[in-house]
Protein backbone atom coordinates (compact mmCIF):
# COMPACT_ATOMS: atom_id res chain seq x y z
CA UNK A 1 0.08 -0.10 0.12
CA UNK A 2 1.24 3.40 -1.29
CA UNK A 3 1.66 6.15 1.69
CA UNK A 4 0.79 9.76 0.50
CA UNK A 5 1.64 12.76 2.51
CA UNK A 6 -1.44 14.97 1.97
CA UNK A 7 0.21 18.56 2.78
CA UNK A 8 -2.99 21.08 3.44
CA UNK A 9 -4.21 24.08 5.26
CA UNK A 10 -1.55 27.27 4.53
CA UNK A 11 -0.66 30.29 5.45
CA UNK A 12 -3.33 31.78 3.29
CA UNK A 13 -6.58 33.74 3.45
CA UNK A 14 -8.08 30.67 1.29
CA UNK A 15 -7.00 28.46 3.96
CA UNK A 16 -10.61 26.85 5.30
CA UNK A 17 -11.20 26.38 1.37
CA UNK A 18 -7.99 24.46 1.54
CA UNK A 19 -8.85 22.48 4.31
CA UNK A 20 -12.25 21.26 2.23
CA UNK A 21 -10.67 19.99 -0.63
CA UNK A 22 -8.07 18.32 1.26
CA UNK A 23 -11.16 16.88 3.72
CA UNK A 24 -12.62 15.62 0.23
CA UNK A 25 -9.36 14.38 -1.54
CA UNK A 26 -7.84 12.53 1.55
CA UNK A 27 -11.29 9.84 2.02
CA UNK A 28 -11.18 9.77 -1.79
CA UNK A 29 -7.71 8.59 -1.56
CA UNK A 30 -8.22 6.06 1.42
CA UNK A 31 -11.09 4.55 -0.78
CA UNK A 32 -9.07 4.18 -3.36
CA UNK A 33 -6.81 2.03 -1.20
CA UNK A 34 -4.11 4.39 -0.20
CA UNK A 35 -2.66 5.07 3.03
CA UNK A 36 -3.07 8.91 3.90
CA UNK A 37 -1.19 10.50 6.52
CA UNK A 38 -2.70 14.19 6.80
CA UNK A 39 -0.07 17.01 6.63
CA UNK A 40 -1.85 20.11 8.17
CA UNK A 41 -0.47 23.04 7.81
CA UNK A 42 -1.69 25.78 10.61
CA UNK A 43 -2.63 29.86 9.45
CA UNK A 44 0.07 30.92 11.30
CA UNK A 45 2.68 28.05 9.59
CA UNK A 46 2.91 25.20 11.84
CA UNK A 47 2.80 21.96 10.42
CA UNK A 48 0.95 18.97 12.25
CA UNK A 49 1.19 15.31 11.27
CA UNK A 50 -1.87 13.63 12.25
CA UNK A 51 -4.18 10.74 11.78
CA UNK A 52 -7.32 9.90 10.06
CA UNK A 53 -9.38 12.20 12.55
CA UNK A 54 -7.32 14.95 10.85
CA UNK A 55 -9.84 14.32 7.85
CA UNK A 56 -12.97 14.62 10.30
CA UNK A 57 -13.94 18.18 9.68
CA UNK A 58 -15.92 18.98 12.81
CA UNK A 59 -12.03 18.38 14.19
CA UNK A 60 -11.51 22.28 12.74
CA UNK A 61 -13.99 24.00 14.92
CA UNK A 62 -11.48 23.70 17.63
CA UNK A 63 -8.54 24.87 17.12
CA UNK A 64 -6.62 23.60 19.99
CA UNK A 65 -7.53 19.97 18.60
CA UNK A 66 -4.75 20.08 16.23
CA UNK A 67 -2.31 21.31 18.74
CA UNK A 68 -3.12 18.37 21.02
CA UNK A 69 -3.24 15.05 18.95
CA UNK A 70 -0.73 16.56 16.01
CA UNK A 71 3.08 16.12 15.98
CA UNK A 72 4.75 19.05 15.12
CA UNK A 73 6.91 18.19 11.99
CA UNK A 74 9.15 19.12 8.83
CA UNK A 75 10.10 17.47 5.89
CA UNK A 76 13.80 18.57 5.09
CA UNK A 77 15.60 19.07 1.47
CA UNK A 78 18.59 16.52 2.86
CA UNK A 79 17.45 14.16 0.49
CA UNK A 80 18.12 10.87 2.51
CA UNK A 81 15.66 12.18 5.12
CA UNK A 82 11.64 12.39 4.68
CA UNK A 83 10.03 13.56 7.99
CA UNK A 84 11.53 15.05 11.07
CA UNK A 85 9.07 14.88 13.90
CA UNK A 86 8.95 17.50 17.15
CA UNK A 87 9.24 15.58 20.52
CA UNK A 88 9.91 16.81 24.03
CA UNK A 89 13.52 15.61 24.00
CA UNK A 90 13.75 17.56 20.15
CA UNK A 91 13.56 16.36 16.68
CA UNK A 92 13.86 13.23 15.70
CA UNK A 93 13.52 10.93 12.15
CA UNK A 94 10.16 9.69 11.43
CA UNK A 95 10.26 5.84 10.49
CA UNK A 96 7.21 7.47 7.85
CA UNK A 97 8.01 6.82 4.82
CA UNK A 98 6.66 8.74 1.75
CA UNK A 99 5.99 7.61 -1.28
CA UNK A 100 3.75 10.62 -2.87
CA UNK A 101 3.48 14.21 -1.75
CA UNK A 102 -0.50 15.40 -2.49
CA UNK A 103 -0.27 19.18 -1.90
CA UNK A 104 -4.00 20.87 -1.12
CA UNK A 105 -3.25 24.73 -0.69
CA UNK A 106 -5.58 27.17 -2.59
CA UNK A 107 -3.67 30.53 -3.38
CA UNK A 108 -0.05 32.12 -1.80
CA UNK A 109 2.04 29.75 0.14
CA UNK A 110 1.53 26.48 -1.46
CA UNK A 111 -0.75 26.72 -4.74
CA UNK A 112 2.01 29.42 -5.85
CA UNK A 113 4.71 27.29 -6.36
CA UNK A 114 6.16 27.62 -2.77
CA UNK A 115 5.84 23.87 -1.82
CA UNK A 116 6.26 22.46 -5.66
CA UNK A 117 9.95 24.07 -5.18
CA UNK A 118 10.28 22.48 -1.48
CA UNK A 119 9.40 19.32 -3.08
CA UNK A 120 11.55 20.09 -6.06
CA UNK A 121 14.71 19.80 -3.55
CA UNK A 122 13.55 17.18 -1.81
CA UNK A 123 13.49 15.17 -5.01
CA UNK A 124 9.68 13.57 -3.77
CA UNK A 125 7.15 12.85 -6.14
CA UNK A 126 4.14 15.42 -6.07
CA UNK A 127 0.71 15.31 -7.31
CA UNK A 128 -0.19 18.45 -9.27
CA UNK A 129 1.94 21.12 -11.49
CA UNK A 130 5.62 22.08 -10.94
CA UNK A 131 7.05 25.50 -9.68
CA UNK A 132 6.91 27.22 -12.93
CA UNK A 133 3.16 26.02 -13.77
CA UNK A 134 1.86 26.67 -9.99
CA UNK A 135 3.69 30.33 -10.15
CA UNK A 136 2.30 31.79 -13.39
CA UNK A 137 -1.29 30.77 -13.43
CA UNK A 138 -1.52 31.76 -9.59
CA UNK A 139 -0.80 35.42 -10.35
CA UNK A 140 -3.53 36.53 -12.66
CA UNK A 141 -1.51 39.18 -14.18
CA UNK A 142 1.26 36.63 -15.67
CA UNK A 143 -1.54 34.17 -16.62
CA UNK A 144 -3.07 36.89 -19.21
CA UNK A 145 0.04 38.08 -20.38
CA UNK A 146 0.94 34.33 -21.57
CA UNK A 147 -2.69 33.56 -22.72
CA UNK A 148 -2.31 36.99 -24.85
CA UNK A 149 0.91 35.59 -26.45
CA UNK A 150 -0.62 32.60 -27.41
CA UNK A 151 -3.24 34.60 -29.19
CA UNK A 152 -6.04 34.01 -26.29
CA UNK A 153 -8.41 36.75 -25.74
CA UNK A 154 -8.13 38.55 -22.40
CA UNK A 155 -10.07 42.02 -21.21
CA UNK A 156 -8.18 44.98 -20.91
CA UNK A 157 -6.54 45.80 -17.48
CA UNK A 158 -4.76 47.96 -15.30
CA UNK A 159 -2.08 46.52 -12.83
CA UNK A 160 -2.22 48.07 -9.66
CA UNK A 161 1.00 48.12 -7.23
CA UNK A 162 0.98 49.04 -3.69
CA UNK A 163 3.71 51.12 -4.31
CA UNK A 164 2.24 52.72 -7.22
CA UNK A 165 -1.11 53.50 -5.91
CA UNK A 166 0.60 55.33 -2.98
CA UNK A 167 2.78 57.33 -5.24
CA UNK A 168 0.44 57.82 -8.63
CA UNK A 169 -2.84 57.66 -8.00
CA UNK A 170 -4.49 59.93 -10.26
CA UNK A 171 -2.45 58.53 -13.28
CA UNK A 172 -3.35 55.20 -12.60
CA UNK A 173 -7.17 56.20 -12.01
CA UNK A 174 -7.01 58.09 -15.55
CA UNK A 175 -6.16 54.46 -17.24
CA UNK A 176 -8.36 52.94 -15.16
CA UNK A 177 -11.07 55.64 -16.57
CA UNK A 178 -10.64 53.79 -19.91
CA UNK A 179 -11.51 50.31 -18.94
CA UNK A 180 -15.01 51.14 -19.25
CA UNK A 181 -18.15 52.20 -16.93
CA UNK A 182 -17.93 49.19 -15.20
CA UNK A 183 -15.03 47.50 -13.66
CA UNK A 184 -13.59 44.18 -11.60
CA UNK A 185 -10.96 44.61 -9.34
CA UNK A 186 -9.15 41.38 -8.09
CA UNK A 187 -6.16 41.04 -5.72
CA UNK A 188 -3.62 39.60 -7.87
CA UNK A 189 -2.80 35.89 -6.48
CA UNK A 190 -5.98 35.22 -4.69
CA UNK A 191 -8.92 33.02 -5.36
CA UNK A 192 -12.52 32.18 -4.18
CA UNK A 193 -13.54 35.64 -5.13
CA UNK A 194 -12.31 36.72 -1.71
CA UNK A 195 -11.64 40.51 -2.15
CA UNK A 196 -12.95 41.08 -5.70
CA UNK A 197 -15.27 43.99 -5.81
CA UNK A 198 -17.30 45.15 -9.19
CA UNK A 199 -17.34 49.05 -9.07
CA UNK A 200 -19.03 51.61 -11.02
CA UNK A 201 -17.98 55.12 -9.76
CA UNK A 202 -14.11 56.68 -9.43
CA UNK A 203 -15.07 56.26 -5.68
CA UNK A 204 -16.11 52.79 -5.55
CA UNK A 205 -12.72 51.88 -7.70
CA UNK A 206 -10.70 53.61 -5.04
CA UNK A 207 -11.97 51.40 -2.11
CA UNK A 208 -12.09 48.54 -4.24
CA UNK A 209 -8.57 49.03 -4.73
CA UNK A 210 -8.30 49.68 -0.86
CA UNK A 211 -9.40 46.29 -0.17
CA UNK A 212 -7.29 44.69 -2.64
CA UNK A 213 -4.31 45.80 -1.54
CA UNK A 214 -5.31 44.70 1.88
CA UNK A 215 -5.14 41.14 0.50
CA UNK A 216 -2.23 41.38 -1.99
CA UNK A 217 0.15 44.02 -2.95
CA UNK A 218 -0.68 43.90 -6.62
CA UNK A 219 -4.39 43.92 -7.84
CA UNK A 220 -5.69 43.92 -11.36
CA UNK A 221 -8.59 46.08 -12.62
CA UNK A 222 -10.70 45.04 -15.57
CA UNK A 223 -12.66 45.91 -18.12
CA UNK A 224 -16.13 44.31 -17.36
CA UNK A 225 -17.83 42.02 -19.54
CA UNK A 226 -21.56 42.63 -18.86
CA UNK A 227 -24.25 39.58 -18.08
CA UNK A 228 -21.28 36.88 -19.37
CA UNK A 229 -21.71 33.45 -19.91
CA UNK A 230 -19.47 31.64 -17.64
CA UNK A 231 -17.86 28.48 -18.71
CA UNK A 232 -15.16 26.45 -16.72
CA UNK A 233 -13.73 23.25 -17.78
CA UNK A 234 -11.08 20.73 -15.62
CA UNK A 235 -8.16 18.68 -17.88
CA UNK A 236 -6.22 15.76 -16.61
CA UNK A 237 -2.47 14.50 -17.95
CA UNK A 238 0.55 15.14 -18.10
CA UNK A 239 0.09 16.15 -21.63
CA UNK A 240 -1.65 14.74 -23.82
CA UNK A 241 -4.68 15.70 -21.86
CA UNK A 242 -8.11 14.89 -21.60
CA UNK A 243 -11.36 17.03 -21.13
CA UNK A 244 -13.76 16.78 -18.40
CA UNK A 245 -18.11 18.41 -18.91
CA UNK A 246 -18.00 21.95 -19.37
CA UNK A 247 -19.95 24.02 -16.76
CA UNK A 248 -21.87 27.13 -16.23
CA UNK A 249 -22.31 28.40 -13.20
CA UNK A 250 -25.63 29.83 -12.01
CA UNK A 251 -25.41 33.73 -10.28
CA UNK A 252 -27.40 35.02 -8.23
CA UNK A 253 -25.31 38.35 -8.83
CA UNK A 254 -23.26 40.20 -11.09
CA UNK A 255 -20.62 38.01 -8.87
CA UNK A 256 -20.27 34.42 -8.23
CA UNK A 257 -19.40 35.19 -4.68
CA UNK A 258 -17.33 33.20 -1.98
CA UNK A 259 -20.85 32.28 -0.27
CA UNK A 260 -22.25 31.07 -3.95
CA UNK A 261 -19.31 28.77 -4.14
CA UNK A 262 -18.90 27.46 -0.62
CA UNK A 263 -21.74 28.46 1.21
CA UNK A 264 -24.84 27.80 -0.69
CA UNK A 265 -26.87 24.25 -0.98
CA UNK A 266 -27.64 24.62 -4.28
CA UNK A 267 -30.17 21.87 -4.35
CA UNK A 268 -29.29 18.47 -3.00
CA UNK A 269 -26.28 17.85 -0.64
CA UNK A 270 -24.61 14.95 0.11
CA UNK A 271 -22.03 13.75 2.26
CA UNK A 272 -19.11 13.98 -0.38
CA UNK A 273 -19.85 17.40 -1.58
CA UNK A 274 -21.62 19.25 1.54
CA UNK A 275 -20.08 22.57 1.89
CA UNK A 276 -17.91 22.51 -1.69
CA UNK A 277 -18.22 24.08 -4.73
CA UNK A 278 -20.80 20.75 -5.79
CA UNK A 279 -23.16 22.64 -4.07
CA UNK A 280 -22.94 25.53 -6.92
CA UNK A 281 -25.99 25.89 -8.75
CA UNK A 282 -24.90 25.01 -12.69
CA UNK A 283 -25.53 23.93 -16.44
CA UNK A 284 -23.01 20.61 -17.15
CA UNK A 285 -22.83 21.00 -19.60
CA UNK A 286 -22.65 24.54 -20.75
CA UNK A 287 -25.49 25.90 -22.91
CA UNK A 288 -22.53 26.67 -25.81
CA UNK A 289 -22.27 25.66 -29.35
CA UNK A 290 -19.78 22.90 -30.50
CA UNK A 291 -17.53 25.55 -32.55
CA UNK A 292 -17.32 27.38 -28.78
CA UNK A 293 -16.89 24.09 -27.45
CA UNK A 294 -14.13 23.36 -29.53
CA UNK A 295 -12.14 26.51 -28.93
CA UNK A 296 -12.22 26.77 -25.09
CA UNK A 297 -10.68 23.00 -25.31
CA UNK A 298 -8.30 24.48 -28.09
CA UNK A 299 -7.49 27.55 -25.58
CA UNK A 300 -7.43 25.61 -22.04
CA UNK A 301 -4.75 23.19 -23.98
CA UNK A 302 -2.54 24.90 -25.38
CA UNK A 303 -2.16 27.62 -22.39
CA UNK A 304 -1.54 24.86 -20.08
CA UNK A 305 0.59 23.14 -21.98
CA UNK A 306 2.87 26.34 -22.89
CA UNK A 307 3.02 26.73 -19.25
CA UNK A 308 4.47 23.12 -18.57
CA UNK A 309 0.77 21.78 -16.47
CA UNK A 310 0.10 18.28 -15.68
CA UNK A 311 -1.99 17.18 -13.51
CA UNK A 312 -5.06 18.96 -12.93
CA UNK A 313 -6.41 22.38 -14.19
CA UNK A 314 -9.72 24.29 -14.48
CA UNK A 315 -9.40 26.77 -17.35
CA UNK A 316 -12.43 29.55 -16.78
CA UNK A 317 -13.83 31.26 -19.73
CA UNK A 318 -16.33 34.26 -20.04
CA UNK A 319 -18.46 34.24 -22.98
CA UNK A 320 -20.13 37.80 -23.78
CA UNK A 321 -23.34 38.85 -25.77
CA UNK A 322 -21.91 38.80 -29.04
CA UNK A 323 -20.16 35.07 -28.54
CA UNK A 324 -16.43 36.35 -28.30
CA UNK A 325 -14.18 33.70 -25.49
CA UNK A 326 -12.18 35.24 -23.27
CA UNK A 327 -9.61 33.83 -21.08
CA UNK A 328 -10.81 34.82 -17.36
CA UNK A 329 -7.88 32.53 -15.29
CA UNK A 330 -6.41 29.27 -14.78
CA UNK A 331 -6.96 27.45 -11.88
CA UNK A 332 -4.41 24.22 -10.72
CA UNK A 333 -5.59 22.87 -7.87
CA UNK A 334 -9.46 23.52 -8.64
CA UNK A 335 -11.52 23.72 -5.47
CA UNK A 336 -12.40 20.15 -4.70
CA UNK A 337 -10.42 19.25 -7.48
CA UNK A 338 -13.70 19.88 -9.78
CA UNK A 339 -14.66 16.06 -9.28
CA UNK A 340 -18.49 16.80 -10.42
CA UNK A 341 -16.54 17.42 -13.69
CA UNK A 342 -15.25 14.36 -13.46
CA UNK A 343 -18.09 12.46 -12.30
CA UNK A 344 -19.91 13.44 -15.27
CA UNK A 345 -18.07 11.75 -18.32
CA UNK A 346 -17.34 8.45 -15.83
CA UNK A 347 -14.38 9.16 -13.33
CA UNK A 348 -15.40 9.02 -10.13
CA UNK A 349 -13.42 11.03 -7.31
CA UNK A 350 -11.70 7.84 -6.21
CA UNK A 351 -10.47 6.69 -9.53
CA UNK A 352 -9.64 10.51 -9.96
CA UNK A 353 -7.36 11.30 -6.88
CA UNK A 354 -5.66 7.72 -8.00
CA UNK A 355 -5.93 8.82 -11.76
CA UNK A 356 -3.44 12.36 -10.26
CA UNK A 357 -0.96 9.82 -8.10
CA UNK A 358 -0.32 7.32 -10.95
CA UNK A 359 0.77 10.70 -13.12
CA UNK A 360 3.00 12.07 -10.26
CA UNK A 361 4.78 9.20 -10.39
CA UNK A 362 4.99 8.50 -14.02
CA UNK A 363 6.50 12.08 -14.31
CA UNK A 364 8.68 11.89 -11.47
CA UNK A 365 9.99 8.58 -13.22
CA UNK A 366 10.75 10.27 -16.15
CA UNK A 367 12.44 13.30 -15.08
CA UNK A 368 15.02 11.02 -12.52
CA UNK A 369 16.87 10.20 -16.31
CA UNK A 370 17.39 13.72 -17.24
CA UNK A 371 20.97 14.50 -16.45
CA UNK A 372 21.88 16.43 -13.30
CA UNK A 373 26.09 16.57 -13.90
CA UNK A 374 27.72 17.98 -16.07
CA UNK A 375 31.98 17.10 -16.41
CA UNK A 376 33.73 20.23 -16.91
CA UNK A 377 37.51 20.89 -16.54
CA UNK A 378 36.70 24.58 -15.19
CA UNK A 379 37.90 23.41 -11.15
CA UNK A 380 41.03 22.17 -12.42
CA UNK A 381 41.30 25.66 -15.04
CA UNK A 382 40.98 27.75 -11.63
CA UNK A 383 42.96 25.95 -9.82
CA UNK A 384 45.95 26.26 -12.58
CA UNK A 385 45.48 29.91 -12.57
CA UNK A 386 42.78 30.52 -14.78
CA UNK A 387 41.04 34.06 -13.77
CA UNK A 388 38.83 35.07 -17.18
CA UNK A 389 39.13 37.33 -19.60
CA UNK A 390 42.30 39.82 -18.98
CA UNK A 391 41.82 43.73 -18.99
CA UNK A 392 44.53 46.41 -19.34
CA UNK A 393 45.33 48.67 -16.72
């Protein structure tokens, strides 16, 4: 039986959303036959190794539960050691052997390449995208720039940084005024609709930017697509990819809010989807033409491939009243792994997580064949007095 270290939580405003996804993933992994080792990272950055009780949602209501029942631990870049646990007498090497890591984070300090970079140093197989794809996809501005370079439509925007907002507010507001009567203001590296505001006056825009810059040092002000049809699709694989069914979320307001995504009943609940995006009202498949579907599939695949994406992603698009398609964003660890999109094409949640683990192991095995050393005579030349190009005095 393979052991999966489920790393989740993290120092992020999306902490609770990550817990929800992780609990669903952890129980699906168990159902798929894996031994699950829950590794919870608190809001303050403390790492706790737990048991099966860490896969029960009720235990996160009381903050002291984790500290009472978990062991503080860390993973180390020393490739001869996997886990180090803290004991009353100091740190000791754990006997736990990790076969693969399943990172479940949303937003900064986890989904953004931070954990992926650490796991690269550890040389441990892990599920999902690598450092570069993770870092770019979590950055809304960079994602749009890559998409534009590939010929994918995106809405016009103005990037606002904390320093530029403090020093050049008037000029930024002039640029924003050219985006149209209605704009959306978004923290640049945050998801789950946290900190996003629709604004239609300069006063509201100023307030919205101030709110967004409380969550991030950069925010994006975008032209609004009025009453768009929103279409999401998930991709799975290490390239080539397979596609899920599409979804068209049903909004009750101008923005698909945090409450609509995660707190709305949206109809019938079950033990597997309670409190998750699976509760959201939606059309599956989305009410779009075959031509629009083909475009969305092609563009999602083009962008994910360009970033070196692997594992899973969810690409979110908008279609305006004239039928023009715009990329909204890429989510390389979609909420609840977008499992409800895969169930509709015959892939159950346990089979989905098993597939993701298999893809991680496949990629890791292929990576081991890469050359990691290069023999040269540079050190001998250096020792023998070579000091680089000579310059005239």
